Amino acid sequence: MGSTVEKDYRDRVFLIKGLVKTEVKDEYWLLRASIEEDPYTVSYDMPEISDVESDRWAVVLFDDSYHSMDYVIWALLKTLPQLSAADASLIMLEAHNTGRGVVTVCGLSEAEGYHAALQVLQLRCDIQPGW
């Protein structure tokens, strides 16, 4: 009699385990089907640079055909007194030859100040995050 009870118990456990395995398996496939995307969609995650989180900003000077090279060097020296004449010349030449030159890399408030000062002197410039 003990063996039949034990056998019935094992059959019930097997049935329960079988149901659980089946339910888990079906649940897995349903979950997987809901997560999977269209096979023709290419997902590309591009890291975003948060303007608030970035502590390094570049002041970028763009080339123009309106100002002479001497004027650009003078404007850079007037705006950034810590620059040497040689550094100002190199920045001007970089902007002239490549279309843009990095004036300085600094914090946001400083970059905004340099940007405003260069724009007052009518030079085309911009500030860019993440440098």
C-alpha atoms as a PDB file:
ATOM      1  CA  MET A   1       0.000   0.000   0.000  1.00  0.00           C
ATOM      2  CA  GLY A   2       2.909   2.281   0.676  1.00  0.00           C
ATOM      3  CA  SER A   3       4.196   1.777  -2.805  1.00  0.00           C
ATOM      4  CA  THR A   4       0.916   2.835  -4.498  1.00  0.00           C
ATOM      5  CA  VAL A   5       0.744   6.026  -2.439  1.00  0.00           C
ATOM      6  CA  GLU A   6       4.333   6.726  -3.270  1.00  0.00           C
ATOM      7  CA  LYS A   7       3.670   6.017  -6.956  1.00  0.00           C
ATOM      8  CA  ASP A   8       0.595   8.275  -6.972  1.00  0.00           C
ATOM      9  CA  TYR A   9       2.643  11.002  -5.294  1.00  0.00           C
ATOM     10  CA  ARG A  10       5.391  10.677  -7.902  1.00  0.00           C
ATOM     11  CA  ASP A  11       2.829  10.777 -10.738  1.00  0.00           C
ATOM     12  CA  ARG A  12       1.253  13.947  -9.301  1.00  0.00           C
ATOM     13  CA  VAL A  13       4.649  15.585  -8.886  1.00  0.00           C
ATOM     14  CA  PHE A  14       5.587  14.576 -12.423  1.00  0.00           C
ATOM     15  CA  LEU A  15       2.320  16.000 -13.743  1.00  0.00           C
ATOM     16  CA  ILE A  16       2.861  19.221 -11.828  1.00  0.00           C
ATOM     17  CA  LYS A  17       6.461  19.458 -12.997  1.00  0.00           C
ATOM     18  CA  GLY A  18       5.377  18.704 -16.556  1.00  0.00           C
ATOM     19  CA  LEU A  19       2.748  21.438 -16.436  1.00  0.00           C
ATOM     20  CA  VAL A  20       5.212  23.873 -14.954  1.00  0.00           C
ATOM     21  CA  LYS A  21       7.801  23.060 -17.606  1.00  0.00           C
ATOM     22  CA  THR A  22       5.208  23.430 -20.362  1.00  0.00           C
ATOM     23  CA  GLU A  23       3.905  26.706 -18.936  1.00  0.00           C
ATOM     24  CA  VAL A  24       7.397  28.081 -18.505  1.00  0.00           C
ATOM     25  CA  LYS A  25       8.344  27.010 -22.015  1.00  0.00           C
ATOM     26  CA  ASP A  26       5.202  28.572 -23.534  1.00  0.00           C
ATOM     27  CA  GLU A  27       5.669  31.700 -21.453  1.00  0.00           C
ATOM     28  CA  TYR A  28       9.278  31.945 -22.635  1.00  0.00           C
ATOM     29  CA  TRP A  29       8.284  31.791 -26.302  1.00  0.00           C
ATOM     30  CA  LEU A  30       5.488  34.319 -25.824  1.00  0.00           C
ATOM     31  CA  LEU A  31       7.874  36.641 -24.025  1.00  0.00           C
ATOM     32  CA  ARG A  32      10.548  36.169 -26.678  1.00  0.00           C
ATOM     33  CA  ALA A  33       8.060  36.827 -29.483  1.00  0.00           C
ATOM     34  CA  SER A  34       6.949  40.060 -27.829  1.00  0.00           C
ATOM     35  CA  ILE A  35      10.560  41.237 -27.397  1.00  0.00           C
ATOM     36  CA  GLU A  36      11.835  40.400 -30.876  1.00  0.00           C
ATOM     37  CA  GLU A  37      11.816  43.223 -33.383  1.00  0.00           C
ATOM     38  CA  ASP A  38      11.142  43.292 -37.072  1.00  0.00           C
ATOM     39  CA  PRO A  39      13.978  41.345 -38.766  1.00  0.00           C
ATOM     40  CA  TYR A  40      14.357  44.093 -41.367  1.00  0.00           C
ATOM     41  CA  THR A  41      14.867  46.830 -38.798  1.00  0.00           C
ATOM     42  CA  VAL A  42      18.453  47.656 -37.990  1.00  0.00           C
ATOM     43  CA  SER A  43      18.823  48.982 -34.492  1.00  0.00           C
ATOM     44  CA  TYR A  44      21.722  51.326 -33.942  1.00  0.00           C
ATOM     45  CA  ASP A  45      22.315  52.901 -30.579  1.00  0.00           C
ATOM     46  CA  MET A  46      24.376  56.039 -30.874  1.00  0.00           C
ATOM     47  CA  PRO A  47      25.656  57.389 -27.603  1.00  0.00           C
ATOM     48  CA  GLU A  48      24.318  60.835 -26.976  1.00  0.00           C
ATOM     49  CA  ILE A  49      26.423  63.592 -25.572  1.00  0.00           C
ATOM     50  CA  SER A  50      24.464  65.408 -22.962  1.00  0.00           C
ATOM     51  CA  ASP A  51      25.060  69.142 -23.030  1.00  0.00           C
ATOM     52  CA  VAL A  52      24.682  69.336 -19.270  1.00  0.00           C
ATOM     53  CA  GLU A  53      27.013  66.425 -18.454  1.00  0.00           C
ATOM     54  CA  SER A  54      29.842  67.500 -20.744  1.00  0.00           C
ATOM     55  CA  ASP A  55      32.501  69.524 -18.949  1.00  0.00           C
ATOM     56  CA  ARG A  56      34.760  70.001 -21.990  1.00  0.00           C
ATOM     57  CA  TRP A  57      33.650  72.450 -24.677  1.00  0.00           C
ATOM     58  CA  ALA A  58      35.585  73.476 -27.764  1.00  0.00           C
ATOM     59  CA  VAL A  59      35.422  76.947 -29.255  1.00  0.00           C
ATOM     60  CA  VAL A  60      35.670  76.352 -33.003  1.00  0.00           C
ATOM     61  CA  LEU A  61      36.606  79.123 -35.448  1.00  0.00           C
ATOM     62  CA  PHE A  62      35.363  78.840 -39.042  1.00  0.00           C
ATOM     63  CA  ASP A  63      37.105  80.165 -42.130  1.00  0.00           C
ATOM     64  CA  ASP A  64      35.582  83.100 -43.974  1.00  0.00           C
ATOM     65  CA  SER A  65      36.621  85.185 -46.941  1.00  0.00           C
ATOM     66  CA  TYR A  66      35.777  88.526 -45.313  1.00  0.00           C
ATOM     67  CA  HIS A  67      38.566  88.972 -42.777  1.00  0.00           C
ATOM     68  CA  SER A  68      42.287  89.144 -43.381  1.00  0.00           C
ATOM     69  CA  MET A  69      44.631  86.697 -41.686  1.00  0.00           C
ATOM     70  CA  ASP A  70      46.155  89.530 -39.658  1.00  0.00           C
ATOM     71  CA  TYR A  71      42.722  90.573 -38.382  1.00  0.00           C
ATOM     72  CA  VAL A  72      41.902  87.006 -37.274  1.00  0.00           C
ATOM     73  CA  ILE A  73      45.228  86.744 -35.408  1.00  0.00           C
ATOM     74  CA  TRP A  74      44.598  90.136 -33.773  1.00  0.00           C
ATOM     75  CA  ALA A  75      41.046  89.094 -32.768  1.00  0.00           C
ATOM     76  CA  LEU A  76      42.294  85.827 -31.256  1.00  0.00           C
ATOM     77  CA  LEU A  77      45.001  87.636 -29.271  1.00  0.00           C
ATOM     78  CA  LYS A  78      42.493  90.224 -28.062  1.00  0.00           C
ATOM     79  CA  THR A  79      39.929  87.593 -27.040  1.00  0.00           C
ATOM     80  CA  LEU A  80      42.352  85.097 -25.491  1.00  0.00           C
ATOM     81  CA  PRO A  81      45.250  87.046 -23.945  1.00  0.00           C
ATOM     82  CA  GLN A  82      46.929  83.811 -22.777  1.00  0.00           C
ATOM     83  CA  LEU A  83      47.587  82.837 -26.422  1.00  0.00           C
ATOM     84  CA  SER A  84      50.954  83.544 -27.956  1.00  0.00           C
ATOM     85  CA  ALA A  85      51.201  85.094 -31.407  1.00  0.00           C
ATOM     86  CA  ALA A  86      52.505  81.767 -32.748  1.00  0.00           C
ATOM     87  CA  ASP A  87      49.524  79.848 -31.306  1.00  0.00           C
ATOM     88  CA  ALA A  88      47.080  82.403 -32.723  1.00  0.00           C
ATOM     89  CA  SER A  89      48.772  82.075 -36.121  1.00  0.00           C
ATOM     90  CA  LEU A  90      48.488  78.274 -35.997  1.00  0.00           C
ATOM     91  CA  ILE A  91      44.773  78.461 -35.100  1.00  0.00           C
ATOM     92  CA  MET A  92      44.187  80.933 -37.940  1.00  0.00           C
ATOM     93  CA  LEU A  93      46.065  78.706 -40.408  1.00  0.00           C
ATOM     94  CA  GLU A  94      44.151  75.618 -39.274  1.00  0.00           C
ATOM     95  CA  ALA A  95      40.858  77.429 -39.860  1.00  0.00           C
ATOM     96  CA  HIS A  96      42.085  78.773 -43.200  1.00  0.00           C
ATOM     97  CA  ASN A  97      43.376  75.420 -44.505  1.00  0.00           C
ATOM     98  CA  THR A  98      40.757  73.001 -43.145  1.00  0.00           C
ATOM     99  CA  GLY A  99      37.721  75.241 -42.814  1.00  0.00           C
ATOM    100  CA  ARG A 100      37.707  75.201 -39.028  1.00  0.00           C
ATOM    101  CA  GLY A 101      40.164  75.512 -36.191  1.00  0.00           C
ATOM    102  CA  VAL A 102      39.879  74.733 -32.502  1.00  0.00           C
ATOM    103  CA  VAL A 103      40.595  77.901 -30.549  1.00  0.00           C
ATOM    104  CA  THR A 104      40.440  76.436 -27.043  1.00  0.00           C
ATOM    105  CA  VAL A 105      38.883  73.648 -24.988  1.00  0.00           C
ATOM    106  CA  CYS A 106      37.434  74.727 -21.651  1.00  0.00           C
ATOM    107  CA  GLY A 107      34.350  74.764 -19.450  1.00  0.00           C
ATOM    108  CA  LEU A 108      30.945  75.866 -20.721  1.00  0.00           C
ATOM    109  CA  SER A 109      30.881  79.333 -19.152  1.00  0.00           C
ATOM    110  CA  GLU A 110      34.359  80.185 -20.472  1.00  0.00           C
ATOM    111  CA  ALA A 111      33.483  78.816 -23.916  1.00  0.00           C
ATOM    112  CA  GLU A 112      30.342  80.934 -24.057  1.00  0.00           C
ATOM    113  CA  GLY A 113      32.384  84.009 -23.119  1.00  0.00           C
ATOM    114  CA  TYR A 114      34.999  83.390 -25.815  1.00  0.00           C
ATOM    115  CA  HIS A 115      32.247  82.619 -28.327  1.00  0.00           C
ATOM    116  CA  ALA A 116      30.462  85.891 -27.581  1.00  0.00           C
ATOM    117  CA  ALA A 117      33.699  87.905 -27.746  1.00  0.00           C
ATOM    118  CA  LEU A 118      34.671  86.422 -31.115  1.00  0.00           C
ATOM    119  CA  GLN A 119      31.188  87.062 -32.488  1.00  0.00           C
ATOM    120  CA  VAL A 120      31.395  90.712 -31.385  1.00  0.00           C
ATOM    121  CA  LEU A 121      34.532  90.907 -33.525  1.00  0.00           C
ATOM    122  CA  GLN A 122      32.408  89.416 -36.355  1.00  0.00           C
ATOM    123  CA  LEU A 123      34.250  86.100 -36.632  1.00  0.00           C
ATOM    124  CA  ARG A 124      32.234  82.966 -37.385  1.00  0.00           C
ATOM    125  CA  CYS A 125      32.593  80.527 -34.504  1.00  0.00           C
ATOM    126  CA  ASP A 126      30.693  77.922 -32.536  1.00  0.00           C
ATOM    127  CA  ILE A 127      30.975  75.932 -29.314  1.00  0.00           C
ATOM    128  CA  GLN A 128      30.820  72.144 -29.421  1.00  0.00           C
ATOM    129  CA  PRO A 129      30.453  69.731 -26.470  1.00  0.00           C
ATOM    130  CA  GLY A 130      32.368  66.575 -25.705  1.00  0.00           C
ATOM    131  CA  TRP A 131      35.994  67.508 -26.326  1.00  0.00           C
END
